[in-house]
N, C-alpha and C. Protein backbone atom coordinates (compact mmCIF):
# COMPACT_ATOMS: atom_id res chain seq x y z
N MET A 1 -35.36 173.31 328.93
CA MET A 1 -36.03 172.25 329.33
C MET A 1 -37.33 171.83 329.41
N PRO A 2 -38.27 172.26 328.99
CA PRO A 2 -39.66 171.73 328.59
C PRO A 2 -40.77 170.70 330.04
N ARG A 3 -40.88 171.77 330.76
CA ARG A 3 -41.81 170.41 332.05
C ARG A 3 -43.18 169.93 331.44
N ILE A 4 -42.98 168.73 331.15
CA ILE A 4 -44.25 167.94 331.14
C ILE A 4 -45.04 167.10 332.35
N ARG A 5 -46.24 167.90 332.53
CA ARG A 5 -46.43 166.51 333.94
C ARG A 5 -45.58 166.26 335.11
N GLY A 6 -45.22 167.52 335.82
CA GLY A 6 -44.16 167.72 336.25
C GLY A 6 -43.20 167.25 336.38
N ARG A 7 -42.59 166.70 335.37
CA ARG A 7 -41.65 166.02 335.22
C ARG A 7 -40.44 166.69 333.69
N ASN A 8 -39.41 167.31 333.93
CA ASN A 8 -38.57 167.66 332.97
C ASN A 8 -38.36 165.89 331.69
N VAL A 9 -37.97 167.20 330.36
CA VAL A 9 -38.09 165.78 329.04
C VAL A 9 -36.90 167.29 328.34
N ARG A 10 -35.87 166.53 328.15
CA ARG A 10 -34.56 166.50 327.77
C ARG A 10 -35.29 166.83 326.09
N VAL A 11 -35.29 166.89 325.24
CA VAL A 11 -35.18 166.81 323.68
C VAL A 11 -34.47 166.45 323.41
N LEU A 12 -33.74 164.47 323.10
CA LEU A 12 -32.89 163.96 322.13
C LEU A 12 -32.76 164.86 320.44
N PHE A 13 -34.65 164.67 319.85
CA PHE A 13 -34.39 165.00 318.59
C PHE A 13 -35.88 166.09 318.25
N ASP A 14 -35.28 167.46 317.95
CA ASP A 14 -36.60 167.92 318.20
C ASP A 14 -37.04 167.44 316.64
N ALA A 15 -38.63 168.54 316.70
CA ALA A 15 -39.55 167.98 315.56
C ALA A 15 -39.35 168.78 314.89
N PRO A 16 -38.89 169.70 313.97
CA PRO A 16 -37.29 170.26 312.96
C PRO A 16 -37.14 169.01 312.20
N ALA A 17 -36.08 168.56 312.99
CA ALA A 17 -34.90 167.76 311.96
C ALA A 17 -35.76 166.45 311.85
N ILE A 18 -36.50 166.19 312.89
CA ILE A 18 -37.72 164.84 312.70
C ILE A 18 -38.23 165.44 311.27
N ALA A 19 -38.66 165.54 311.21
CA ALA A 19 -39.37 166.39 309.75
C ALA A 19 -38.72 166.73 308.25
N VAL A 20 -37.43 166.42 308.74
CA VAL A 20 -36.18 166.88 307.60
C VAL A 20 -36.18 164.80 307.51
N ARG A 21 -35.77 164.45 308.48
CA ARG A 21 -34.88 163.21 308.14
C ARG A 21 -36.68 162.04 308.15
N ASN A 22 -37.83 162.43 307.82
CA ASN A 22 -38.79 161.53 307.20
C ASN A 22 -38.54 161.83 305.66
N VAL A 23 -38.60 163.05 305.01
CA VAL A 23 -38.44 163.45 304.26
C VAL A 23 -37.54 162.60 303.33
N GLU A 24 -35.59 163.16 304.19
CA GLU A 24 -34.81 162.05 303.19
C GLU A 24 -35.21 160.29 303.57
N MET A 25 -36.01 159.69 304.25
CA MET A 25 -36.37 158.43 304.43
C MET A 25 -37.41 158.10 303.64
N ALA A 26 -38.07 158.74 302.99
CA ALA A 26 -39.26 158.47 301.39
C ALA A 26 -38.29 158.60 299.91
N ARG A 27 -37.43 159.10 300.37
CA ARG A 27 -36.98 160.02 299.06
C ARG A 27 -35.71 158.09 298.75
N GLU A 28 -35.22 157.24 300.46
CA GLU A 28 -34.68 156.20 299.97
C GLU A 28 -35.61 155.46 299.57
N ILE A 29 -36.12 155.27 300.45
CA ILE A 29 -37.35 154.44 300.77
C ILE A 29 -38.13 154.27 299.07
N ALA A 30 -38.23 155.44 298.03
CA ALA A 30 -38.74 155.35 296.67
C ALA A 30 -38.20 154.69 296.50
N THR A 31 -36.80 155.02 296.39
CA THR A 31 -35.58 154.88 295.49
C THR A 31 -34.86 152.85 296.00
N ALA A 32 -35.68 152.50 297.33
CA ALA A 32 -35.27 150.78 297.37
C ALA A 32 -35.87 149.82 296.29
N GLY A 33 -36.62 150.09 295.41
CA GLY A 33 -37.48 148.93 294.21
C GLY A 33 -38.38 148.31 294.62
N TYR A 34 -39.22 148.40 295.64
CA TYR A 34 -40.44 148.34 296.70
C TYR A 34 -41.05 148.19 295.36
N VAL A 35 -41.80 147.25 295.43
CA VAL A 35 -43.12 147.03 293.96
C VAL A 35 -44.02 146.22 295.20
N ASP A 36 -45.44 147.04 294.84
CA ASP A 36 -46.79 146.91 295.21
C ASP A 36 -46.90 146.74 295.74
N LEU A 37 -46.07 147.34 297.17
CA LEU A 37 -46.25 147.92 298.55
C LEU A 37 -46.99 148.48 299.39
N LEU A 38 -47.20 147.92 300.43
CA LEU A 38 -47.41 147.64 301.48
C LEU A 38 -46.59 147.84 302.56
N VAL A 39 -47.50 149.05 304.09
CA VAL A 39 -45.86 149.75 304.20
C VAL A 39 -47.77 148.89 305.87
N VAL A 40 -46.74 148.81 306.73
CA VAL A 40 -47.68 148.26 308.13
C VAL A 40 -46.52 148.54 309.28
N SER A 41 -47.62 149.37 309.73
CA SER A 41 -47.28 150.51 311.34
C SER A 41 -47.03 149.50 312.62
N ILE A 42 -46.49 149.40 313.24
CA ILE A 42 -45.89 148.26 314.10
C ILE A 42 -47.15 149.66 315.16
N LEU A 43 -48.15 149.41 315.93
CA LEU A 43 -48.60 150.12 316.54
C LEU A 43 -48.31 149.98 317.88
N LYS A 44 -48.36 150.51 319.09
CA LYS A 44 -49.42 151.54 319.51
C LYS A 44 -47.95 153.04 318.81
N GLY A 45 -46.85 152.07 319.64
CA GLY A 45 -44.89 153.23 319.65
C GLY A 45 -44.98 154.47 317.74
N SER A 46 -45.08 154.02 316.31
CA SER A 46 -45.29 154.16 315.49
C SER A 46 -46.45 154.71 314.53
N PHE A 47 -47.08 154.86 316.06
CA PHE A 47 -47.94 155.58 314.77
C PHE A 47 -48.39 157.22 314.24
N ILE A 48 -47.71 157.91 314.95
CA ILE A 48 -47.04 159.24 314.48
C ILE A 48 -46.05 159.23 313.46
N PHE A 49 -45.42 158.49 313.43
CA PHE A 49 -43.58 158.12 312.59
C PHE A 49 -44.70 157.87 311.50
N ALA A 50 -45.47 156.34 311.88
CA ALA A 50 -45.20 155.78 310.34
C ALA A 50 -47.16 157.52 309.74
N ALA A 51 -46.92 157.54 310.35
CA ALA A 51 -48.33 158.92 309.53
C ALA A 51 -47.46 159.41 308.79
N ASP A 52 -46.08 160.15 309.46
CA ASP A 52 -45.41 161.23 308.89
C ASP A 52 -44.72 161.04 308.13
N LEU A 53 -44.15 159.39 307.86
CA LEU A 53 -43.39 159.32 306.83
C LEU A 53 -44.52 158.68 305.83
N ILE A 54 -45.66 158.04 305.37
CA ILE A 54 -46.03 157.70 305.26
C ILE A 54 -47.00 158.82 304.38
N ARG A 55 -47.08 159.78 304.27
CA ARG A 55 -47.71 161.59 304.34
C ARG A 55 -46.02 161.80 303.40
N ALA A 56 -45.10 161.67 303.78
CA ALA A 56 -43.82 161.44 303.27
C ALA A 56 -43.56 161.16 301.79
N LEU A 57 -43.06 159.59 302.03
CA LEU A 57 -43.78 158.18 301.05
C LEU A 57 -44.33 159.64 299.24
N HIS A 58 -45.77 159.97 299.83
CA HIS A 58 -46.14 160.25 299.35
C HIS A 58 -45.80 161.75 298.90
N THR A 59 -45.25 162.60 298.40
CA THR A 59 -44.13 163.11 298.37
C THR A 59 -43.19 162.64 297.69
N ALA A 60 -42.81 161.29 297.86
CA ALA A 60 -42.20 160.94 297.34
C ALA A 60 -42.11 160.25 296.19
N ASP A 61 -43.86 160.63 296.06
CA ASP A 61 -44.58 159.19 294.82
C ASP A 61 -44.68 158.34 294.55
N LEU A 62 -44.45 157.69 295.90
CA LEU A 62 -45.65 156.44 296.69
C LEU A 62 -46.24 156.09 296.58
N ALA A 63 -47.32 155.10 295.98
CA ALA A 63 -48.42 154.61 297.18
C ALA A 63 -49.21 153.82 297.34
N PRO A 64 -48.49 153.85 298.91
CA PRO A 64 -48.86 151.42 299.39
C PRO A 64 -49.87 151.90 300.65
N GLU A 65 -50.93 150.30 299.62
CA GLU A 65 -51.83 150.33 301.25
C GLU A 65 -50.88 150.26 302.68
N VAL A 66 -52.18 150.66 303.61
CA VAL A 66 -51.58 150.71 304.65
C VAL A 66 -52.49 150.10 305.73
N GLU A 67 -51.02 148.91 306.99
CA GLU A 67 -52.16 148.73 307.49
C GLU A 67 -51.94 148.48 308.64
N PHE A 68 -51.38 147.52 309.62
CA PHE A 68 -51.63 147.84 311.33
C PHE A 68 -51.44 147.16 311.78
N LEU A 69 -50.75 146.61 312.69
CA LEU A 69 -50.40 145.10 312.83
C LEU A 69 -49.87 145.93 315.19
N SER A 70 -50.55 145.70 315.92
CA SER A 70 -50.46 145.78 316.59
C SER A 70 -49.35 144.09 318.22
N LEU A 71 -48.92 144.61 318.21
CA LEU A 71 -47.46 143.68 318.90
C LEU A 71 -46.93 144.15 320.00
N SER A 72 -47.26 143.26 321.14
CA SER A 72 -46.02 144.43 322.43
C SER A 72 -45.07 143.02 322.76
N SER A 73 -44.41 143.69 323.70
CA SER A 73 -43.61 143.05 324.61
C SER A 73 -43.27 143.89 326.03
N TYR A 74 -43.59 145.22 325.77
CA TYR A 74 -43.31 145.55 326.68
C TYR A 74 -44.38 145.81 327.91
N ARG A 75 -45.85 145.91 327.27
CA ARG A 75 -46.58 146.11 328.32
C ARG A 75 -46.51 147.14 329.04
N ALA A 76 -46.43 147.40 330.15
CA ALA A 76 -46.54 149.06 331.18
C ALA A 76 -45.47 148.78 331.70
N GLY A 77 -44.08 148.36 331.48
CA GLY A 77 -42.96 148.99 331.86
C GLY A 77 -42.18 149.28 330.76
N THR A 78 -40.70 149.36 331.19
CA THR A 78 -39.71 150.29 330.21
C THR A 78 -39.03 149.59 329.64
N GLU A 79 -39.02 147.73 330.38
CA GLU A 79 -38.14 146.67 328.95
C GLU A 79 -38.41 146.05 328.60
N SER A 80 -37.88 145.50 327.95
CA SER A 80 -39.26 143.44 327.13
C SER A 80 -39.29 143.25 327.41
N SER A 81 -40.38 142.67 328.19
CA SER A 81 -41.16 141.20 328.03
C SER A 81 -39.32 139.73 328.06
N GLY A 82 -39.37 139.87 326.51
CA GLY A 82 -38.97 139.38 325.88
C GLY A 82 -40.00 138.48 325.05
N GLU A 83 -40.72 138.36 325.29
CA GLU A 83 -41.96 137.92 325.12
C GLU A 83 -42.96 138.93 323.76
N VAL A 84 -43.32 138.00 322.49
CA VAL A 84 -44.40 139.03 321.84
C VAL A 84 -45.14 138.65 321.70
N THR A 85 -45.88 139.30 321.52
CA THR A 85 -47.85 138.72 321.17
C THR A 85 -48.16 140.13 319.98
N VAL A 86 -49.42 139.08 319.28
CA VAL A 86 -50.09 139.94 318.54
C VAL A 86 -51.68 140.53 319.72
N LEU A 87 -51.33 141.74 319.97
CA LEU A 87 -52.66 141.81 319.50
C LEU A 87 -53.80 142.29 318.96
N ARG A 88 -53.74 143.19 318.08
CA ARG A 88 -54.06 142.93 316.72
C ARG A 88 -53.01 143.28 315.32
N ASP A 89 -53.70 142.46 313.82
CA ASP A 89 -53.06 141.09 313.23
C ASP A 89 -54.07 142.49 312.28
N ILE A 90 -52.59 142.63 311.23
CA ILE A 90 -53.43 143.04 309.41
C ILE A 90 -54.67 142.00 308.89
N GLU A 91 -54.99 142.77 308.06
CA GLU A 91 -56.51 142.15 307.35
C GLU A 91 -55.42 141.29 306.51
N THR A 92 -54.74 141.61 305.40
CA THR A 92 -54.46 142.12 304.33
C THR A 92 -53.34 141.03 304.12
N ASP A 93 -54.03 140.54 303.08
CA ASP A 93 -52.61 139.10 302.50
C ASP A 93 -51.72 139.70 301.74
N VAL A 94 -50.81 139.00 302.59
CA VAL A 94 -49.11 139.65 302.24
C VAL A 94 -48.74 139.06 300.68
N ALA A 95 -49.24 137.89 300.42
CA ALA A 95 -48.45 136.82 299.41
C ALA A 95 -48.41 137.45 298.44
N GLY A 96 -46.87 137.38 297.76
CA GLY A 96 -46.09 137.70 296.91
C GLY A 96 -46.08 139.88 296.67
N ARG A 97 -46.70 139.94 298.21
CA ARG A 97 -46.29 141.56 298.18
C ARG A 97 -44.96 142.30 298.61
N ASP A 98 -43.99 143.28 298.30
CA ASP A 98 -43.28 143.84 299.31
C ASP A 98 -44.09 144.37 300.33
N VAL A 99 -43.22 144.26 301.31
CA VAL A 99 -43.47 144.35 302.17
C VAL A 99 -42.68 145.48 303.49
N LEU A 100 -42.57 146.34 303.75
CA LEU A 100 -42.37 147.65 304.68
C LEU A 100 -43.02 147.80 306.17
N LEU A 101 -42.39 146.95 307.20
CA LEU A 101 -42.18 147.45 307.81
C LEU A 101 -42.13 148.79 308.94
N ILE A 102 -42.95 149.47 309.60
CA ILE A 102 -42.16 150.92 310.05
C ILE A 102 -42.90 150.26 311.52
N ASP A 103 -41.78 151.21 312.83
CA ASP A 103 -42.20 150.74 314.14
C ASP A 103 -41.80 152.18 314.30
N ASP A 104 -41.49 152.80 315.12
CA ASP A 104 -40.44 153.46 316.01
C ASP A 104 -39.66 153.42 316.53
N ILE A 105 -38.77 151.61 317.06
CA ILE A 105 -37.58 152.48 317.07
C ILE A 105 -36.68 151.09 317.36
N LEU A 106 -36.00 150.66 316.87
CA LEU A 106 -35.15 149.24 316.76
C LEU A 106 -34.09 148.79 318.12
N GLU A 107 -34.72 148.39 318.88
CA GLU A 107 -34.17 147.98 320.61
C GLU A 107 -33.12 147.01 320.49
N SER A 108 -34.25 146.17 321.24
CA SER A 108 -33.78 144.58 321.38
C SER A 108 -34.26 143.89 319.63
N GLY A 109 -34.50 143.95 319.49
CA GLY A 109 -34.93 143.21 317.29
C GLY A 109 -36.33 142.28 318.00
N ARG A 110 -36.44 141.94 319.26
CA ARG A 110 -37.62 140.67 319.25
C ARG A 110 -39.46 140.98 318.65
N THR A 111 -39.78 142.56 318.78
CA THR A 111 -40.70 143.04 318.21
C THR A 111 -40.52 142.27 316.46
N LEU A 112 -39.53 143.30 316.18
CA LEU A 112 -39.66 143.65 314.68
C LEU A 112 -39.24 142.17 314.43
N ALA A 113 -38.06 141.31 314.49
CA ALA A 113 -37.83 140.40 313.66
C ALA A 113 -39.29 139.26 313.73
N TYR A 114 -40.36 139.27 315.03
CA TYR A 114 -41.51 138.66 314.59
C TYR A 114 -41.99 139.29 313.74
N ALA A 115 -42.51 139.53 313.99
CA ALA A 115 -43.28 141.03 312.48
C ALA A 115 -42.87 140.21 311.36
N LYS A 116 -41.07 140.43 311.07
CA LYS A 116 -40.63 140.13 310.00
C LYS A 116 -40.74 139.23 309.76
N GLY A 117 -40.62 137.70 310.65
CA GLY A 117 -40.55 136.86 310.45
C GLY A 117 -42.46 135.75 310.01
N LEU A 118 -43.57 136.67 310.18
CA LEU A 118 -44.84 136.54 310.44
C LEU A 118 -44.62 137.02 308.74
N MET A 119 -44.99 137.80 308.55
CA MET A 119 -44.43 138.52 307.15
C MET A 119 -43.80 137.76 305.68
N THR A 120 -43.39 136.86 306.24
CA THR A 120 -42.33 136.32 305.54
C THR A 120 -43.01 134.45 305.77
N SER A 121 -43.40 134.38 306.76
CA SER A 121 -44.28 132.90 306.73
C SER A 121 -45.63 132.72 306.27
N ARG A 122 -45.88 134.07 305.69
CA ARG A 122 -47.47 134.59 305.17
C ARG A 122 -46.73 134.87 303.82
N GLY A 123 -46.20 134.54 303.24
CA GLY A 123 -46.09 134.91 301.41
C GLY A 123 -44.73 136.05 301.29
N ALA A 124 -45.05 137.17 302.21
CA ALA A 124 -44.06 138.22 301.22
C ALA A 124 -42.93 137.58 300.75
N HIS A 125 -43.28 138.69 299.83
CA HIS A 125 -42.48 138.88 298.50
C HIS A 125 -40.52 139.34 299.15
N ARG A 126 -40.96 140.41 299.98
CA ARG A 126 -39.66 140.72 300.49
C ARG A 126 -40.19 141.79 301.90
N VAL A 127 -39.75 142.03 302.48
CA VAL A 127 -39.36 142.67 303.42
C VAL A 127 -38.69 143.67 304.56
N GLY A 128 -38.97 144.66 304.41
CA GLY A 128 -38.09 145.86 304.54
C GLY A 128 -38.65 146.51 305.37
N ILE A 129 -37.47 147.18 306.83
CA ILE A 129 -37.87 148.21 308.03
C ILE A 129 -37.39 149.13 307.88
N ALA A 130 -38.38 150.06 308.98
CA ALA A 130 -38.00 151.76 308.74
C ALA A 130 -38.86 152.07 310.02
N VAL A 131 -37.18 152.76 310.67
CA VAL A 131 -37.29 152.86 312.65
C VAL A 131 -36.92 154.16 312.29
N LEU A 132 -37.28 154.59 313.09
CA LEU A 132 -36.91 156.27 313.79
C LEU A 132 -36.17 156.08 314.72
N LEU A 133 -35.61 155.24 315.23
CA LEU A 133 -34.38 154.86 315.97
C LEU A 133 -33.99 153.95 316.33
N GLU A 134 -32.95 154.08 316.28
CA GLU A 134 -32.09 152.74 316.44
C GLU A 134 -31.23 152.63 317.68
N LYS A 135 -31.33 151.47 318.32
CA LYS A 135 -30.12 151.66 319.33
C LYS A 135 -29.28 150.58 319.26
N PRO A 136 -28.16 150.53 318.62
CA PRO A 136 -27.46 149.25 318.15
C PRO A 136 -26.97 148.74 318.83
N GLY A 137 -26.64 149.21 320.10
CA GLY A 137 -25.71 148.00 320.87
C GLY A 137 -26.36 147.33 322.19
N LYS A 138 -28.45 147.32 321.66
CA LYS A 138 -29.03 146.33 322.22
C LYS A 138 -29.24 144.86 321.77
N LEU A 139 -29.02 145.05 320.23
CA LEU A 139 -30.19 143.54 320.03
C LEU A 139 -29.68 142.70 320.19
N ALA A 140 -31.09 142.05 321.06
CA ALA A 140 -30.87 140.81 321.20
C ALA A 140 -30.97 139.39 319.86
N GLN A 141 -30.98 140.42 318.80
CA GLN A 141 -31.58 139.76 317.97
C GLN A 141 -30.93 139.37 316.72
N PRO A 142 -30.13 139.05 315.56
CA PRO A 142 -29.87 139.49 314.59
C PRO A 142 -30.69 139.85 313.56
N LEU A 143 -30.57 141.34 313.76
CA LEU A 143 -31.76 142.26 313.18
C LEU A 143 -31.16 143.29 312.43
N LYS A 144 -31.05 143.62 311.10
CA LYS A 144 -30.70 144.84 310.93
C LYS A 144 -32.29 145.87 310.60
N ALA A 145 -32.59 147.03 310.43
CA ALA A 145 -33.14 148.11 309.54
C ALA A 145 -33.01 148.57 308.19
N ASP A 146 -33.70 148.36 307.54
CA ASP A 146 -33.00 149.46 306.27
C ASP A 146 -33.32 150.68 305.85
N HIS A 147 -34.29 150.99 306.71
CA HIS A 147 -33.88 152.84 306.53
C HIS A 147 -34.90 152.97 307.60
N VAL A 148 -32.97 153.66 308.68
CA VAL A 148 -33.21 154.47 309.65
C VAL A 148 -33.28 155.58 309.70
N GLY A 149 -33.55 156.50 310.78
CA GLY A 149 -34.09 157.92 310.65
C GLY A 149 -32.59 158.81 311.87
N PHE A 150 -32.40 157.85 312.92
CA PHE A 150 -31.58 158.10 313.69
C PHE A 150 -31.11 157.54 314.24
N THR A 151 -29.40 157.03 315.08
CA THR A 151 -28.87 156.40 315.76
C THR A 151 -29.07 157.56 317.47
N CYS A 152 -29.67 155.99 318.29
CA CYS A 152 -30.12 156.73 319.22
C CYS A 152 -29.40 156.39 320.44
N PRO A 153 -28.67 157.33 321.15
CA PRO A 153 -28.51 156.76 322.70
C PRO A 153 -29.52 155.34 323.14
N ASP A 154 -28.25 155.03 324.85
CA ASP A 154 -28.80 154.29 325.63
C ASP A 154 -29.95 154.65 326.66
N LEU A 155 -31.02 155.42 325.64
CA LEU A 155 -31.75 155.69 327.20
C LEU A 155 -33.47 155.50 326.56
N PHE A 156 -33.75 155.62 327.98
CA PHE A 156 -35.94 155.92 327.80
C PHE A 156 -36.32 156.80 326.71
N VAL A 157 -36.38 156.55 326.57
CA VAL A 157 -37.04 157.53 325.17
C VAL A 157 -38.82 158.16 324.72
N VAL A 158 -39.21 158.92 325.41
CA VAL A 158 -40.72 159.45 324.94
C VAL A 158 -40.96 159.90 324.25
N GLY A 159 -42.48 160.34 323.70
CA GLY A 159 -43.06 161.57 322.43
C GLY A 159 -42.70 160.76 321.44
N TYR A 160 -43.31 161.38 320.24
CA TYR A 160 -43.48 161.42 318.68
C TYR A 160 -44.42 159.66 318.44
N GLY A 161 -45.04 159.62 320.02
CA GLY A 161 -45.68 158.21 319.40
C GLY A 161 -45.13 156.83 320.75
N MET A 162 -44.04 157.36 321.07
CA MET A 162 -43.90 156.67 322.23
C MET A 162 -44.04 156.96 323.77
N ASP A 163 -43.81 155.82 324.59
CA ASP A 163 -44.30 156.54 326.07
C ASP A 163 -43.74 155.73 326.78
N VAL A 164 -43.91 155.97 327.92
CA VAL A 164 -44.05 155.30 329.03
C VAL A 164 -45.60 155.19 330.42
N ALA A 165 -45.88 154.03 330.40
CA ALA A 165 -47.35 153.55 331.09
C ALA A 165 -48.55 154.79 330.20
N HIS A 166 -48.27 154.72 328.96
CA HIS A 166 -49.30 155.50 327.86
C HIS A 166 -49.35 156.90 328.32
N ALA A 167 -48.55 157.38 329.00
CA ALA A 167 -48.75 158.88 328.98
C ALA A 167 -46.86 159.10 328.30
N PHE A 168 -46.47 160.36 327.26
CA PHE A 168 -45.88 161.55 326.99
C PHE A 168 -45.99 161.22 325.50
N ARG A 169 -47.16 160.86 324.98
CA ARG A 169 -46.83 160.17 323.74
C ARG A 169 -47.02 161.16 322.49
N GLU A 170 -48.12 162.25 322.63
CA GLU A 170 -48.51 163.68 322.45
C GLU A 170 -47.17 164.43 321.92
N LEU A 171 -46.49 164.12 322.29
CA LEU A 171 -44.59 165.26 322.30
C LEU A 171 -44.77 165.36 320.76
N PRO A 172 -44.59 166.32 320.17
CA PRO A 172 -44.08 166.76 318.82
C PRO A 172 -42.47 166.19 318.68
N TYR A 173 -41.96 165.62 319.48
CA TYR A 173 -40.74 165.61 319.31
C TYR A 173 -39.56 163.71 320.36
N VAL A 174 -38.59 163.80 320.77
CA VAL A 174 -38.06 162.41 321.19
C VAL A 174 -37.18 163.37 322.69
N GLY A 175 -38.09 163.00 323.77
CA GLY A 175 -37.11 163.73 324.59
C GLY A 175 -36.82 162.25 325.87
N VAL A 176 -36.65 162.47 326.89
CA VAL A 176 -35.91 161.62 328.04
C VAL A 176 -36.11 162.57 328.98
N VAL A 177 -37.80 161.47 329.95
CA VAL A 177 -38.15 162.29 331.16
C VAL A 177 -36.84 162.11 332.38
N GLU A 178 -36.83 163.30 332.95
CA GLU A 178 -35.76 163.42 333.73
C GLU A 178 -36.03 163.79 334.95
N ASP A 179 -35.05 163.23 336.52
CA ASP A 179 -36.43 163.74 337.54
C ASP A 179 -35.25 165.11 337.46
N GLY A 180 -36.21 165.75 338.36
CA GLY A 180 -35.86 166.90 339.28
C GLY A 180 -35.78 168.24 338.52
């Protein structure tokens, strides 16, 4: 078990497994019929996943435009506050376009439901959702991801862009910080 910042981190999904799944997801997305695709990465947690998935989309012969939307419902804690705040909005007009939201994890669904509603209200033709991780037992919103990397146990995970109080984002894998 790797020891980082004096804490043990148990690996749940290692870097090679994530890389393989990104390529598989890109192929799935490429055959899903998206037209005039705009990819919107939900920051901050999805930035590494989004970068890798977007590069994989290129190898699957897709050339989406890319935007960034920064939303927050966690702040510095480990549980969602239930209230979503827009910290940084996209600049591109989505009217009539297919939008693929990319996020790190579908847990409560509040953030992604908010983002999907926002894109829909702005006239997006179709709004798809791609997530690295899904925690199916934690949904507080009736929401389904169209493209899922892995089903995740009900644990607070870090790495591959995900953090706890801004730490552990740099890890090339998804893991769980354990005491001891």
